Amino acid sequence: MELIPELDADYIILQLDAEGGAEQFKEVTDSPLWKNVPAVQKNNIFSPEYWLYKSWGTIGREEIVDEVLKFIK
């Protein structure tokens, strides 16, 4: 939590772990510090499908890049 103020990001792309990820994310987003992050203020928070399996191959990596580009346009 102490590192949240250092997030000077225009976009945040994150994945939530199936075990406890949603609870941890809620804890972070409930923090008043979270609301000061530029990406949060611009509503540029994205949570894509789980990318681990896609990242193993060239085609999957290209799909990840395509998804990121859709998020930031």
Protein backbone atom coordinates (compact mmCIF):
# COMPACT_ATOMS: atom_id res chain seq x y z
CA MET A 1 0.00 0.00 0.00
CA GLU A 2 2.85 2.38 0.75
CA LEU A 3 3.91 2.26 -2.91
CA ILE A 4 0.55 3.35 -4.31
CA PRO A 5 1.48 7.06 -4.24
CA GLU A 6 4.45 6.23 -6.48
CA LEU A 7 2.16 4.93 -9.23
CA ASP A 8 2.36 7.69 -11.80
CA ALA A 9 0.68 5.63 -14.50
CA ASP A 10 -1.71 6.70 -17.22
CA TYR A 11 -2.91 3.10 -17.59
CA ILE A 12 -2.99 0.12 -15.27
CA ILE A 13 -3.44 -3.33 -16.75
CA LEU A 14 -3.64 -6.07 -14.17
CA GLN A 15 -4.79 -9.58 -13.70
CA LEU A 16 -6.47 -10.85 -10.61
CA ASP A 17 -5.34 -14.15 -9.20
CA ALA A 18 -8.16 -16.63 -8.75
CA GLU A 19 -7.20 -17.21 -5.11
CA GLY A 20 -7.65 -14.02 -3.14
CA GLY A 21 -7.03 -11.65 -6.05
CA ALA A 22 -10.41 -9.99 -5.92
CA GLU A 23 -10.17 -9.44 -2.16
CA GLN A 24 -6.68 -7.97 -2.43
CA PHE A 25 -7.73 -5.72 -5.29
CA LYS A 26 -10.71 -4.46 -3.26
CA GLU A 27 -8.39 -3.69 -0.35
CA VAL A 28 -6.19 -1.62 -2.65
CA THR A 29 -9.05 0.17 -4.42
CA ASP A 30 -10.74 1.01 -1.11
CA SER A 31 -7.65 2.95 -0.09
CA PRO A 32 -7.87 6.75 -0.44
CA LEU A 33 -4.35 6.61 -1.93
CA TRP A 34 -5.67 4.65 -4.91
CA LYS A 35 -7.96 7.50 -5.93
CA ASN A 36 -4.93 9.77 -6.47
CA VAL A 37 -3.35 7.58 -9.15
CA PRO A 38 -3.68 9.27 -12.59
CA ALA A 39 -4.90 6.06 -14.29
CA VAL A 40 -7.64 5.72 -11.68
CA GLN A 41 -8.71 9.33 -12.11
CA LYS A 42 -8.94 8.79 -15.88
CA ASN A 43 -10.71 5.44 -15.45
CA ASN A 44 -7.91 3.66 -17.30
CA ILE A 45 -7.85 0.44 -15.26
CA PHE A 46 -8.12 -2.77 -17.26
CA SER A 47 -8.30 -6.38 -16.15
CA PRO A 48 -7.86 -8.72 -19.13
CA GLU A 49 -8.38 -12.45 -19.24
CA TYR A 50 -5.60 -14.56 -17.80
CA TRP A 51 -2.56 -14.16 -20.07
CA LEU A 52 -0.17 -16.75 -18.64
CA TYR A 53 -1.03 -19.42 -21.17
CA LYS A 54 -1.03 -16.97 -24.06
CA SER A 55 2.45 -15.79 -23.16
CA TRP A 56 4.00 -19.16 -23.99
CA GLY A 57 3.82 -18.76 -27.76
CA THR A 58 4.32 -16.18 -30.47
CA ILE A 59 0.66 -16.06 -31.50
CA GLY A 60 -0.46 -15.62 -27.90
CA ARG A 61 2.04 -12.85 -27.32
CA GLU A 62 0.73 -11.05 -30.39
CA GLU A 63 -2.80 -11.38 -28.98
CA ILE A 64 -1.62 -9.84 -25.70
CA VAL A 65 -0.10 -6.88 -27.57
CA ASP A 66 -3.34 -6.45 -29.55
CA GLU A 67 -5.37 -6.43 -26.31
CA VAL A 68 -3.10 -3.84 -24.73
CA LEU A 69 -3.39 -1.63 -27.81
CA LYS A 70 -7.19 -1.82 -27.58
CA PHE A 71 -7.03 -0.74 -23.94
CA ILE A 72 -4.87 2.32 -24.55
CA LYS A 73 -6.64 3.69 -27.64
